[in-house]
């Protein structure tokens, strides 16, 4: 079984084929935003109950809905400290917040995103 290098993974994420370029912003304000390449999938939807102006009782219940939503597959090595919840990506002019990260063990991580609007 072969193991891909970081350069091999970049070939898979090539913006001239399936990938896109994004700007990654760390939660650490001392670190400059940096470009990263990955595969963006904006199918599905996210529903955040905190954005919904239901009754006080409904907001306190802490309900959550999990569904497929925007994702970004990129090299784990491109993410500072491995990528953390609350960090941001700007993709095609839209800013997204990282809600979860799922490393696949091969050097790639799937970031689950929420539109930051």
C-alpha atoms as a PDB file:
ATOM      1  CA  UNK A   1       0.000   0.000   0.000  1.00  0.00           C
ATOM      2  CA  UNK A   2       1.433   3.366  -0.968  1.00  0.00           C
ATOM      3  CA  UNK A   3       1.211   6.497   1.126  1.00  0.00           C
ATOM      4  CA  UNK A   4       0.586   9.812  -0.581  1.00  0.00           C
ATOM      5  CA  UNK A   5       2.823  12.780   0.159  1.00  0.00           C
ATOM      6  CA  UNK A   6       1.511  16.318   0.678  1.00  0.00           C
ATOM      7  CA  UNK A   7       2.440  17.023  -2.964  1.00  0.00           C
ATOM      8  CA  UNK A   8       0.441  13.973  -4.117  1.00  0.00           C
ATOM      9  CA  UNK A   9      -2.583  15.235  -2.186  1.00  0.00           C
ATOM     10  CA  UNK A  10      -2.271  18.662  -3.866  1.00  0.00           C
ATOM     11  CA  UNK A  11      -2.663  16.950  -7.245  1.00  0.00           C
ATOM     12  CA  UNK A  12      -5.997  15.525  -6.078  1.00  0.00           C
ATOM     13  CA  UNK A  13      -7.160  18.994  -4.868  1.00  0.00           C
ATOM     14  CA  UNK A  14      -6.047  20.894  -7.994  1.00  0.00           C
ATOM     15  CA  UNK A  15      -8.149  24.087  -8.490  1.00  0.00           C
ATOM     16  CA  UNK A  16      -7.831  23.673 -12.278  1.00  0.00           C
ATOM     17  CA  UNK A  17      -9.814  20.445 -12.046  1.00  0.00           C
ATOM     18  CA  UNK A  18     -12.130  19.752  -9.074  1.00  0.00           C
ATOM     19  CA  UNK A  19     -10.702  21.953  -6.338  1.00  0.00           C
ATOM     20  CA  UNK A  20     -11.131  25.598  -5.379  1.00  0.00           C
ATOM     21  CA  UNK A  21      -8.917  28.058  -3.578  1.00  0.00           C
ATOM     22  CA  UNK A  22     -10.101  29.316  -0.203  1.00  0.00           C
ATOM     23  CA  UNK A  23      -8.708  31.748   2.351  1.00  0.00           C
ATOM     24  CA  UNK A  24      -8.215  30.185   5.777  1.00  0.00           C
ATOM     25  CA  UNK A  25      -8.391  32.473   8.837  1.00  0.00           C
ATOM     26  CA  UNK A  26      -7.132  31.158  12.172  1.00  0.00           C
ATOM     27  CA  UNK A  27      -8.730  32.119  15.486  1.00  0.00           C
ATOM     28  CA  UNK A  28      -5.268  33.415  16.441  1.00  0.00           C
ATOM     29  CA  UNK A  29      -5.280  37.045  15.229  1.00  0.00           C
ATOM     30  CA  UNK A  30      -1.455  37.084  15.132  1.00  0.00           C
ATOM     31  CA  UNK A  31      -1.506  34.570  12.255  1.00  0.00           C
ATOM     32  CA  UNK A  32      -2.051  35.954   8.770  1.00  0.00           C
ATOM     33  CA  UNK A  33      -4.869  34.494   6.625  1.00  0.00           C
ATOM     34  CA  UNK A  34      -3.512  31.978   4.132  1.00  0.00           C
ATOM     35  CA  UNK A  35      -4.727  30.443   0.877  1.00  0.00           C
ATOM     36  CA  UNK A  36      -5.562  26.720   0.896  1.00  0.00           C
ATOM     37  CA  UNK A  37      -6.880  24.486  -1.852  1.00  0.00           C
ATOM     38  CA  UNK A  38      -9.564  21.887  -1.420  1.00  0.00           C
ATOM     39  CA  UNK A  39     -12.762  20.433  -2.755  1.00  0.00           C
ATOM     40  CA  UNK A  40     -15.841  22.458  -1.827  1.00  0.00           C
ATOM     41  CA  UNK A  41     -19.275  20.857  -1.725  1.00  0.00           C
ATOM     42  CA  UNK A  42     -22.130  23.212  -0.918  1.00  0.00           C
ATOM     43  CA  UNK A  43     -24.976  20.723  -1.277  1.00  0.00           C
ATOM     44  CA  UNK A  44     -27.460  20.344   1.544  1.00  0.00           C
ATOM     45  CA  UNK A  45     -28.416  22.822   4.208  1.00  0.00           C
ATOM     46  CA  UNK A  46     -27.700  23.725   7.802  1.00  0.00           C
ATOM     47  CA  UNK A  47     -30.219  24.877  10.348  1.00  0.00           C
ATOM     48  CA  UNK A  48     -28.935  26.555  13.464  1.00  0.00           C
ATOM     49  CA  UNK A  49     -31.707  26.894  16.081  1.00  0.00           C
ATOM     50  CA  UNK A  50     -29.847  29.811  17.671  1.00  0.00           C
ATOM     51  CA  UNK A  51     -30.686  31.867  14.577  1.00  0.00           C
ATOM     52  CA  UNK A  52     -34.392  31.095  14.889  1.00  0.00           C
ATOM     53  CA  UNK A  53     -36.472  33.531  16.887  1.00  0.00           C
ATOM     54  CA  UNK A  54     -38.735  30.929  18.513  1.00  0.00           C
ATOM     55  CA  UNK A  55     -40.111  31.241  22.002  1.00  0.00           C
ATOM     56  CA  UNK A  56     -37.811  31.529  25.013  1.00  0.00           C
ATOM     57  CA  UNK A  57     -38.749  27.963  26.019  1.00  0.00           C
ATOM     58  CA  UNK A  58     -37.854  26.586  22.593  1.00  0.00           C
ATOM     59  CA  UNK A  59     -34.463  28.312  22.597  1.00  0.00           C
ATOM     60  CA  UNK A  60     -33.606  26.887  26.017  1.00  0.00           C
ATOM     61  CA  UNK A  61     -34.286  23.329  24.923  1.00  0.00           C
ATOM     62  CA  UNK A  62     -31.016  23.222  22.957  1.00  0.00           C
ATOM     63  CA  UNK A  63     -32.506  21.420  19.977  1.00  0.00           C
ATOM     64  CA  UNK A  64     -30.177  20.745  17.105  1.00  0.00           C
ATOM     65  CA  UNK A  65     -30.603  19.464  13.580  1.00  0.00           C
ATOM     66  CA  UNK A  66     -27.795  17.637  11.839  1.00  0.00           C
ATOM     67  CA  UNK A  67     -27.819  17.404   8.086  1.00  0.00           C
ATOM     68  CA  UNK A  68     -25.409  17.439   5.228  1.00  0.00           C
ATOM     69  CA  UNK A  69     -24.240  20.929   4.507  1.00  0.00           C
ATOM     70  CA  UNK A  70     -21.305  22.750   3.023  1.00  0.00           C
ATOM     71  CA  UNK A  71     -18.033  20.855   3.343  1.00  0.00           C
ATOM     72  CA  UNK A  72     -14.427  21.519   2.393  1.00  0.00           C
ATOM     73  CA  UNK A  73     -11.925  18.684   1.930  1.00  0.00           C
ATOM     74  CA  UNK A  74      -8.321  19.838   2.296  1.00  0.00           C
ATOM     75  CA  UNK A  75      -4.886  18.742   3.469  1.00  0.00           C
ATOM     76  CA  UNK A  76      -4.708  18.588   7.251  1.00  0.00           C
ATOM     77  CA  UNK A  77      -1.201  20.088   7.045  1.00  0.00           C
ATOM     78  CA  UNK A  78      -2.685  23.302   5.552  1.00  0.00           C
ATOM     79  CA  UNK A  79      -4.750  23.890   8.704  1.00  0.00           C
ATOM     80  CA  UNK A  80      -3.018  25.667  11.565  1.00  0.00           C
ATOM     81  CA  UNK A  81      -3.104  23.459  14.662  1.00  0.00           C
ATOM     82  CA  UNK A  82      -5.140  21.011  12.581  1.00  0.00           C
ATOM     83  CA  UNK A  83      -8.106  23.354  12.120  1.00  0.00           C
ATOM     84  CA  UNK A  84     -10.378  24.321  14.986  1.00  0.00           C
ATOM     85  CA  UNK A  85     -14.063  24.998  15.453  1.00  0.00           C
ATOM     86  CA  UNK A  86     -14.822  28.682  14.907  1.00  0.00           C
ATOM     87  CA  UNK A  87     -12.035  29.321  12.421  1.00  0.00           C
ATOM     88  CA  UNK A  88     -13.096  30.692   9.059  1.00  0.00           C
ATOM     89  CA  UNK A  89     -12.822  29.953   5.368  1.00  0.00           C
ATOM     90  CA  UNK A  90     -13.785  32.302   2.558  1.00  0.00           C
ATOM     91  CA  UNK A  91     -14.799  30.344  -0.527  1.00  0.00           C
ATOM     92  CA  UNK A  92     -16.095  31.982  -3.715  1.00  0.00           C
ATOM     93  CA  UNK A  93     -16.703  35.239  -1.807  1.00  0.00           C
ATOM     94  CA  UNK A  94     -18.775  33.598   0.980  1.00  0.00           C
ATOM     95  CA  UNK A  95     -17.414  33.361   4.505  1.00  0.00           C
ATOM     96  CA  UNK A  96     -17.934  30.076   6.365  1.00  0.00           C
ATOM     97  CA  UNK A  97     -17.265  29.076   9.963  1.00  0.00           C
ATOM     98  CA  UNK A  98     -15.735  25.656  10.706  1.00  0.00           C
ATOM     99  CA  UNK A  99     -18.246  23.733  12.824  1.00  0.00           C
ATOM    100  CA  UNK A 100     -16.468  20.372  12.887  1.00  0.00           C
ATOM    101  CA  UNK A 101     -13.399  18.656  11.474  1.00  0.00           C
ATOM    102  CA  UNK A 102     -13.091  15.013  10.449  1.00  0.00           C
ATOM    103  CA  UNK A 103      -9.543  13.872   9.620  1.00  0.00           C
ATOM    104  CA  UNK A 104      -9.521  10.759   7.435  1.00  0.00           C
ATOM    105  CA  UNK A 105      -6.135   9.410   8.541  1.00  0.00           C
ATOM    106  CA  UNK A 106      -4.537   9.822   5.114  1.00  0.00           C
ATOM    107  CA  UNK A 107      -3.566  13.488   5.413  1.00  0.00           C
ATOM    108  CA  UNK A 108      -6.924  14.985   4.444  1.00  0.00           C
ATOM    109  CA  UNK A 109      -9.590  16.554   6.657  1.00  0.00           C
ATOM    110  CA  UNK A 110     -13.257  17.124   5.899  1.00  0.00           C
ATOM    111  CA  UNK A 111     -14.397  20.439   7.377  1.00  0.00           C
ATOM    112  CA  UNK A 112     -18.102  20.807   8.105  1.00  0.00           C
ATOM    113  CA  UNK A 113     -19.049  24.432   7.505  1.00  0.00           C
ATOM    114  CA  UNK A 114     -21.785  26.900   8.444  1.00  0.00           C
ATOM    115  CA  UNK A 115     -22.382  30.027   6.370  1.00  0.00           C
ATOM    116  CA  UNK A 116     -21.251  33.020   8.393  1.00  0.00           C
ATOM    117  CA  UNK A 117     -23.981  35.525   7.533  1.00  0.00           C
END
